[in-house]
Amino acid sequence: MKDTLKAVALSYTGAFDAPVVVASGKNALAERMLGIAAECGIQIVSDGVLADILTDAEIGACIPPRTYEAVEDKWF
């Protein structure tokens, strides 16, 4: 059985206390998101557990507090 590919795009402008989920996708959409990120030189972080959690977050919402440390360690 093939694993589901997941991708989540985050944005942090300082307007909120935490990064915001701006896009999320699985399989073909995730592949497209990763392709666009690579083309644009956007940092790509691979973390399946974090992706599992963040794909459940609503678009436009801040990341869940339980992910703050993991995101900070990987992103900043």
PDB file of N, CA and C in Angstrom:
ATOM      1  N   MET A   1       0.844  -1.176   0.000  1.00  0.00           N
ATOM      2  CA  MET A   1       0.000   0.000   0.000  1.00  0.00           C
ATOM      3  C   MET A   1       0.890   1.239   0.000  1.00  0.00           C
ATOM      4  N   LYS A   2       0.578   2.183  -0.861  1.00  0.00           N
ATOM      5  CA  LYS A   2       1.358   3.406  -0.988  1.00  0.00           C
ATOM      6  C   LYS A   2       0.942   4.412   0.082  1.00  0.00           C
ATOM      7  N   ASP A   3       1.946   5.052   0.692  1.00  0.00           N
ATOM      8  CA  ASP A   3       1.661   6.082   1.688  1.00  0.00           C
ATOM      9  C   ASP A   3       1.078   7.313   1.021  1.00  0.00           C
ATOM     10  N   THR A   4       0.275   8.050   1.768  1.00  0.00           N
ATOM     11  CA  THR A   4      -0.292   9.294   1.284  1.00  0.00           C
ATOM     12  C   THR A   4       0.751  10.388   1.415  1.00  0.00           C
ATOM     13  N   LEU A   5       1.020  11.098   0.317  1.00  0.00           N
ATOM     14  CA  LEU A   5       1.922  12.242   0.339  1.00  0.00           C
ATOM     15  C   LEU A   5       1.139  13.445   0.833  1.00  0.00           C
ATOM     16  N   LYS A   6       1.697  14.168   1.793  1.00  0.00           N
ATOM     17  CA  LYS A   6       1.036  15.347   2.345  1.00  0.00           C
ATOM     18  C   LYS A   6       1.975  16.536   2.288  1.00  0.00           C
ATOM     19  N   ALA A   7       1.408  17.707   2.050  1.00  0.00           N
ATOM     20  CA  ALA A   7       2.192  18.945   2.054  1.00  0.00           C
ATOM     21  C   ALA A   7       1.359  20.040   2.704  1.00  0.00           C
ATOM     22  N   VAL A   8       2.040  20.888   3.447  1.00  0.00           N
ATOM     23  CA  VAL A   8       1.396  22.001   4.127  1.00  0.00           C
ATOM     24  C   VAL A   8       2.276  23.231   3.916  1.00  0.00           C
ATOM     25  N   ALA A   9       1.672  24.338   3.544  1.00  0.00           N
ATOM     26  CA  ALA A   9       2.403  25.598   3.390  1.00  0.00           C
ATOM     27  C   ALA A   9       2.067  26.501   4.566  1.00  0.00           C
ATOM     28  N   LEU A  10       3.115  27.057   5.165  1.00  0.00           N
ATOM     29  CA  LEU A  10       2.951  27.946   6.308  1.00  0.00           C
ATOM     30  C   LEU A  10       3.451  29.339   5.957  1.00  0.00           C
ATOM     31  N   SER A  11       2.881  30.322   6.618  1.00  0.00           N
ATOM     32  CA  SER A  11       3.325  31.704   6.471  1.00  0.00           C
ATOM     33  C   SER A  11       3.430  32.317   7.855  1.00  0.00           C
ATOM     34  N   TYR A  12       4.486  33.084   8.051  1.00  0.00           N
ATOM     35  CA  TYR A  12       4.617  33.795   9.326  1.00  0.00           C
ATOM     36  C   TYR A  12       5.013  35.229   9.039  1.00  0.00           C
ATOM     37  N   THR A  13       4.102  36.146   9.328  1.00  0.00           N
ATOM     38  CA  THR A  13       4.360  37.562   9.083  1.00  0.00           C
ATOM     39  C   THR A  13       4.541  38.344  10.370  1.00  0.00           C
ATOM     40  N   GLY A  14       4.252  37.702  11.494  1.00  0.00           N
ATOM     41  CA  GLY A  14       4.311  38.388  12.774  1.00  0.00           C
ATOM     42  C   GLY A  14       2.968  39.003  13.158  1.00  0.00           C
ATOM     43  N   ALA A  15       1.989  38.922  12.251  1.00  0.00           N
ATOM     44  CA  ALA A  15       0.655  39.476  12.531  1.00  0.00           C
ATOM     45  C   ALA A  15      -0.089  38.629  13.566  1.00  0.00           C
ATOM     46  N   PHE A  16       0.284  37.356  13.663  1.00  0.00           N
ATOM     47  CA  PHE A  16      -0.325  36.444  14.630  1.00  0.00           C
ATOM     48  C   PHE A  16       0.769  35.897  15.530  1.00  0.00           C
ATOM     49  N   ASP A  17       0.384  35.230  16.591  1.00  0.00           N
ATOM     50  CA  ASP A  17       1.353  34.668  17.528  1.00  0.00           C
ATOM     51  C   ASP A  17       2.105  33.466  16.961  1.00  0.00           C
ATOM     52  N   ALA A  18       1.588  32.860  15.920  1.00  0.00           N
ATOM     53  CA  ALA A  18       2.182  31.644  15.368  1.00  0.00           C
ATOM     54  C   ALA A  18       2.021  31.645  13.850  1.00  0.00           C
ATOM     55  N   PRO A  19       2.787  30.796  13.158  1.00  0.00           N
ATOM     56  CA  PRO A  19       2.602  30.667  11.714  1.00  0.00           C
ATOM     57  C   PRO A  19       1.167  30.244  11.375  1.00  0.00           C
ATOM     58  N   VAL A  20       0.750  30.606  10.183  1.00  0.00           N
ATOM     59  CA  VAL A  20      -0.600  30.314   9.704  1.00  0.00           C
ATOM     60  C   VAL A  20      -0.517  29.286   8.573  1.00  0.00           C
ATOM     61  N   VAL A  21      -1.451  28.357   8.562  1.00  0.00           N
ATOM     62  CA  VAL A  21      -1.558  27.379   7.474  1.00  0.00           C
ATOM     63  C   VAL A  21      -2.208  28.092   6.291  1.00  0.00           C
ATOM     64  N   VAL A  22      -1.468  28.198   5.180  1.00  0.00           N
ATOM     65  CA  VAL A  22      -2.004  28.898   4.007  1.00  0.00           C
ATOM     66  C   VAL A  22      -2.411  27.948   2.884  1.00  0.00           C
ATOM     67  N   ALA A  23      -1.940  26.705   2.946  1.00  0.00           N
ATOM     68  CA  ALA A  23      -2.337  25.702   1.955  1.00  0.00           C
ATOM     69  C   ALA A  23      -2.038  24.321   2.519  1.00  0.00           C
ATOM     70  N   SER A  24      -2.808  23.353   2.047  1.00  0.00           N
ATOM     71  CA  SER A  24      -2.632  21.987   2.493  1.00  0.00           C
ATOM     72  C   SER A  24      -3.136  21.061   1.399  1.00  0.00           C
ATOM     73  N   GLY A  25      -2.425  19.984   1.169  1.00  0.00           N
ATOM     74  CA  GLY A  25      -2.883  19.060   0.139  1.00  0.00           C
ATOM     75  C   GLY A  25      -2.324  17.669   0.330  1.00  0.00           C
ATOM     76  N   LYS A  26      -2.957  16.730  -0.357  1.00  0.00           N
ATOM     77  CA  LYS A  26      -2.539  15.329  -0.315  1.00  0.00           C
ATOM     78  C   LYS A  26      -2.340  14.821  -1.735  1.00  0.00           C
ATOM     79  N   ASN A  27      -1.436  13.859  -1.876  1.00  0.00           N
ATOM     80  CA  ASN A  27      -1.159  13.164  -3.133  1.00  0.00           C
ATOM     81  C   ASN A  27      -0.846  14.119  -4.277  1.00  0.00           C
ATOM     82  N   ALA A  28      -1.668  14.182  -5.335  1.00  0.00           N
ATOM     83  CA  ALA A  28      -1.346  14.999  -6.509  1.00  0.00           C
ATOM     84  C   ALA A  28      -1.220  16.482  -6.149  1.00  0.00           C
ATOM     85  N   LEU A  29      -2.096  16.978  -5.289  1.00  0.00           N
ATOM     86  CA  LEU A  29      -2.005  18.387  -4.886  1.00  0.00           C
ATOM     87  C   LEU A  29      -0.732  18.623  -4.086  1.00  0.00           C
ATOM     88  N   ALA A  30      -0.368  17.698  -3.223  1.00  0.00           N
ATOM     89  CA  ALA A  30       0.874  17.816  -2.459  1.00  0.00           C
ATOM     90  C   ALA A  30       2.077  17.825  -3.399  1.00  0.00           C
ATOM     91  N   GLU A  31       2.066  16.970  -4.407  1.00  0.00           N
ATOM     92  CA  GLU A  31       3.158  16.954  -5.394  1.00  0.00           C
ATOM     93  C   GLU A  31       3.272  18.304  -6.088  1.00  0.00           C
ATOM     94  N   ARG A  32       2.149  18.877  -6.458  1.00  0.00           N
ATOM     95  CA  ARG A  32       2.154  20.187  -7.134  1.00  0.00           C
ATOM     96  C   ARG A  32       2.669  21.273  -6.197  1.00  0.00           C
ATOM     97  N   MET A  33       2.222  21.245  -4.947  1.00  0.00           N
ATOM     98  CA  MET A  33       2.689  22.231  -3.968  1.00  0.00           C
ATOM     99  C   MET A  33       4.200  22.137  -3.791  1.00  0.00           C
ATOM    100  N   LEU A  34       4.727  20.922  -3.680  1.00  0.00           N
ATOM    101  CA  LEU A  34       6.162  20.728  -3.510  1.00  0.00           C
ATOM    102  C   LEU A  34       6.937  21.180  -4.748  1.00  0.00           C
ATOM    103  N   GLY A  35       6.372  20.928  -5.915  1.00  0.00           N
ATOM    104  CA  GLY A  35       7.004  21.379  -7.160  1.00  0.00           C
ATOM    105  C   GLY A  35       7.084  22.894  -7.238  1.00  0.00           C
ATOM    106  N   ILE A  36       6.003  23.554  -6.888  1.00  0.00           N
ATOM    107  CA  ILE A  36       5.981  25.024  -6.902  1.00  0.00           C
ATOM    108  C   ILE A  36       6.972  25.572  -5.885  1.00  0.00           C
ATOM    109  N   ALA A  37       6.997  24.985  -4.695  1.00  0.00           N
ATOM    110  CA  ALA A  37       7.929  25.437  -3.659  1.00  0.00           C
ATOM    111  C   ALA A  37       9.370  25.302  -4.154  1.00  0.00           C
ATOM    112  N   ALA A  38       9.697  24.177  -4.764  1.00  0.00           N
ATOM    113  CA  ALA A  38      11.054  23.963  -5.265  1.00  0.00           C
ATOM    114  C   ALA A  38      11.394  24.976  -6.359  1.00  0.00           C
ATOM    115  N   GLU A  39      10.461  25.202  -7.281  1.00  0.00           N
ATOM    116  CA  GLU A  39      10.679  26.169  -8.364  1.00  0.00           C
ATOM    117  C   GLU A  39      10.914  27.582  -7.836  1.00  0.00           C
ATOM    118  N   CYS A  40      10.264  27.901  -6.737  1.00  0.00           N
ATOM    119  CA  CYS A  40      10.336  29.255  -6.177  1.00  0.00           C
ATOM    120  C   CYS A  40      11.418  29.404  -5.104  1.00  0.00           C
ATOM    121  N   GLY A  41      12.147  28.350  -4.842  1.00  0.00           N
ATOM    122  CA  GLY A  41      13.203  28.410  -3.846  1.00  0.00           C
ATOM    123  C   GLY A  41      12.702  28.493  -2.413  1.00  0.00           C
ATOM    124  N   ILE A  42      11.495  28.000  -2.193  1.00  0.00           N
ATOM    125  CA  ILE A  42      10.900  28.006  -0.855  1.00  0.00           C
ATOM    126  C   ILE A  42      11.408  26.794  -0.079  1.00  0.00           C
ATOM    127  N   GLN A  43      11.770  27.013   1.175  1.00  0.00           N
ATOM    128  CA  GLN A  43      12.281  25.945   2.018  1.00  0.00           C
ATOM    129  C   GLN A  43      11.263  24.814   2.125  1.00  0.00           C
ATOM    130  N   ILE A  44      11.736  23.582   1.934  1.00  0.00           N
ATOM    131  CA  ILE A  44      10.902  22.393   2.075  1.00  0.00           C
ATOM    132  C   ILE A  44      11.464  21.571   3.225  1.00  0.00           C
ATOM    133  N   VAL A  45      10.615  21.261   4.180  1.00  0.00           N
ATOM    134  CA  VAL A  45      10.996  20.466   5.339  1.00  0.00           C
ATOM    135  C   VAL A  45      10.210  19.162   5.279  1.00  0.00           C
ATOM    136  N   SER A  46      10.889  18.053   5.441  1.00  0.00           N
ATOM    137  CA  SER A  46      10.225  16.753   5.400  1.00  0.00           C
ATOM    138  C   SER A  46      10.057  16.212   6.821  1.00  0.00           C
ATOM    139  N   ASP A  47       8.810  16.119   7.253  1.00  0.00           N
ATOM    140  CA  ASP A  47       8.491  15.587   8.578  1.00  0.00           C
ATOM    141  C   ASP A  47       7.086  15.024   8.513  1.00  0.00           C
ATOM    142  N   GLY A  48       6.989  13.717   8.343  1.00  0.00           N
ATOM    143  CA  GLY A  48       5.695  13.065   8.167  1.00  0.00           C
ATOM    144  C   GLY A  48       4.740  13.247   9.328  1.00  0.00           C
ATOM    145  N   VAL A  49       5.247  13.162  10.547  1.00  0.00           N
ATOM    146  CA  VAL A  49       4.380  13.313  11.724  1.00  0.00           C
ATOM    147  C   VAL A  49       3.827  14.734  11.789  1.00  0.00           C
ATOM    148  N   LEU A  50       4.700  15.724  11.579  1.00  0.00           N
ATOM    149  CA  LEU A  50       4.257  17.114  11.599  1.00  0.00           C
ATOM    150  C   LEU A  50       3.255  17.379  10.476  1.00  0.00           C
ATOM    151  N   ALA A  51       3.500  16.822   9.297  1.00  0.00           N
ATOM    152  CA  ALA A  51       2.561  16.987   8.184  1.00  0.00           C
ATOM    153  C   ALA A  51       1.204  16.373   8.514  1.00  0.00           C
ATOM    154  N   ASP A  52       1.208  15.206   9.163  1.00  0.00           N
ATOM    155  CA  ASP A  52      -0.051  14.577   9.563  1.00  0.00           C
ATOM    156  C   ASP A  52      -0.865  15.503  10.461  1.00  0.00           C
ATOM    157  N   ILE A  53      -0.199  16.142  11.404  1.00  0.00           N
ATOM    158  CA  ILE A  53      -0.893  17.042  12.334  1.00  0.00           C
ATOM    159  C   ILE A  53      -1.369  18.302  11.607  1.00  0.00           C
ATOM    160  N   LEU A  54      -0.486  18.896  10.815  1.00  0.00           N
ATOM    161  CA  LEU A  54      -0.811  20.185  10.192  1.00  0.00           C
ATOM    162  C   LEU A  54      -1.843  20.074   9.074  1.00  0.00           C
ATOM    163  N   THR A  55      -1.953  18.912   8.424  1.00  0.00           N
ATOM    164  CA  THR A  55      -2.979  18.776   7.387  1.00  0.00           C
ATOM    165  C   THR A  55      -4.385  18.748   7.982  1.00  0.00           C
ATOM    166  N   ASP A  56      -4.479  18.523   9.282  1.00  0.00           N
ATOM    167  CA  ASP A  56      -5.786  18.561   9.945  1.00  0.00           C
ATOM    168  C   ASP A  56      -6.180  19.982  10.358  1.00  0.00           C
ATOM    169  N   ALA A  57      -5.234  20.922  10.320  1.00  0.00           N
ATOM    170  CA  ALA A  57      -5.527  22.312  10.698  1.00  0.00           C
ATOM    171  C   ALA A  57      -6.292  23.003   9.571  1.00  0.00           C
ATOM    172  N   GLU A  58      -7.125  23.950   9.933  1.00  0.00           N
ATOM    173  CA  GLU A  58      -7.890  24.705   8.937  1.00  0.00           C
ATOM    174  C   GLU A  58      -6.997  25.695   8.210  1.00  0.00           C
ATOM    175  N   ILE A  59      -7.258  25.875   6.914  1.00  0.00           N
ATOM    176  CA  ILE A  59      -6.569  26.902   6.143  1.00  0.00           C
ATOM    177  C   ILE A  59      -6.929  28.258   6.760  1.00  0.00           C
ATOM    178  N   GLY A  60      -5.911  29.083   6.980  1.00  0.00           N
ATOM    179  CA  GLY A  60      -6.122  30.395   7.575  1.00  0.00           C
ATOM    180  C   GLY A  60      -5.983  30.419   9.087  1.00  0.00           C
ATOM    181  N   ALA A  61      -5.835  29.228   9.689  1.00  0.00           N
ATOM    182  CA  ALA A  61      -5.696  29.137  11.147  1.00  0.00           C
ATOM    183  C   ALA A  61      -4.220  29.064  11.528  1.00  0.00           C
ATOM    184  N   CYS A  62      -3.915  29.516  12.722  1.00  0.00           N
ATOM    185  CA  CYS A  62      -2.565  29.348  13.261  1.00  0.00           C
ATOM    186  C   CYS A  62      -2.303  27.865  13.491  1.00  0.00           C
ATOM    187  N   ILE A  63      -1.053  27.498  13.430  1.00  0.00           N
ATOM    188  CA  ILE A  63      -0.705  26.100  13.699  1.00  0.00           C
ATOM    189  C   ILE A  63      -1.075  25.766  15.141  1.00  0.00           C
ATOM    190  N   PRO A  64      -1.376  24.502  15.421  1.00  0.00           N
ATOM    191  CA  PRO A  64      -1.731  24.113  16.788  1.00  0.00           C
ATOM    192  C   PRO A  64      -0.566  24.358  17.753  1.00  0.00           C
ATOM    193  N   PRO A  65      -0.858  24.786  18.969  1.00  0.00           N
ATOM    194  CA  PRO A  65       0.201  25.038  19.948  1.00  0.00           C
ATOM    195  C   PRO A  65       1.157  23.863  20.155  1.00  0.00           C
ATOM    196  N   ARG A  66       0.652  22.630  20.054  1.00  0.00           N
ATOM    197  CA  ARG A  66       1.523  21.468  20.272  1.00  0.00           C
ATOM    198  C   ARG A  66       2.577  21.316  19.174  1.00  0.00           C
ATOM    199  N   THR A  67       2.456  22.081  18.079  1.00  0.00           N
ATOM    200  CA  THR A  67       3.439  21.992  16.995  1.00  0.00           C
ATOM    201  C   THR A  67       4.431  23.158  16.996  1.00  0.00           C
ATOM    202  N   TYR A  68       4.258  24.121  17.889  1.00  0.00           N
ATOM    203  CA  TYR A  68       5.124  25.309  17.900  1.00  0.00           C
ATOM    204  C   TYR A  68       6.604  24.937  17.909  1.00  0.00           C
ATOM    205  N   GLU A  69       6.987  24.110  18.858  1.00  0.00           N
ATOM    206  CA  GLU A  69       8.400  23.774  19.014  1.00  0.00           C
ATOM    207  C   GLU A  69       8.950  23.049  17.780  1.00  0.00           C
ATOM    208  N   ALA A  70       8.195  22.102  17.257  1.00  0.00           N
ATOM    209  CA  ALA A  70       8.652  21.357  16.088  1.00  0.00           C
ATOM    210  C   ALA A  70       8.816  22.277  14.877  1.00  0.00           C
ATOM    211  N   VAL A  71       7.863  23.172  14.678  1.00  0.00           N
ATOM    212  CA  VAL A  71       7.948  24.098  13.555  1.00  0.00           C
ATOM    213  C   VAL A  71       9.119  25.061  13.755  1.00  0.00           C
ATOM    214  N   GLU A  72       9.267  25.568  14.947  1.00  0.00           N
ATOM    215  CA  GLU A  72      10.370  26.498  15.216  1.00  0.00           C
ATOM    216  C   GLU A  72      11.718  25.822  14.996  1.00  0.00           C
ATOM    217  N   ASP A  73      11.871  24.584  15.434  1.00  0.00           N
ATOM    218  CA  ASP A  73      13.135  23.863  15.258  1.00  0.00           C
ATOM    219  C   ASP A  73      13.475  23.634  13.791  1.00  0.00           C
ATOM    220  N   LYS A  74      12.461  23.453  12.971  1.00  0.00           N
ATOM    221  CA  LYS A  74      12.689  23.136  11.566  1.00  0.00           C
ATOM    222  C   LYS A  74      12.689  24.357  10.650  1.00  0.00           C
ATOM    223  N   TRP A  75      11.982  25.402  11.053  1.00  0.00           N
ATOM    224  CA  TRP A  75      11.748  26.524  10.152  1.00  0.00           C
ATOM    225  C   TRP A  75      12.636  27.720  10.453  1.00  0.00           C
ATOM    226  N   PHE A  76      12.869  27.997  11.705  1.00  0.00           N
ATOM    227  CA  PHE A  76      13.591  29.228  12.058  1.00  0.00           C
ATOM    228  C   PHE A  76      15.036  28.956  12.395  1.00  0.00           C
TER     229      PHE A  76
END
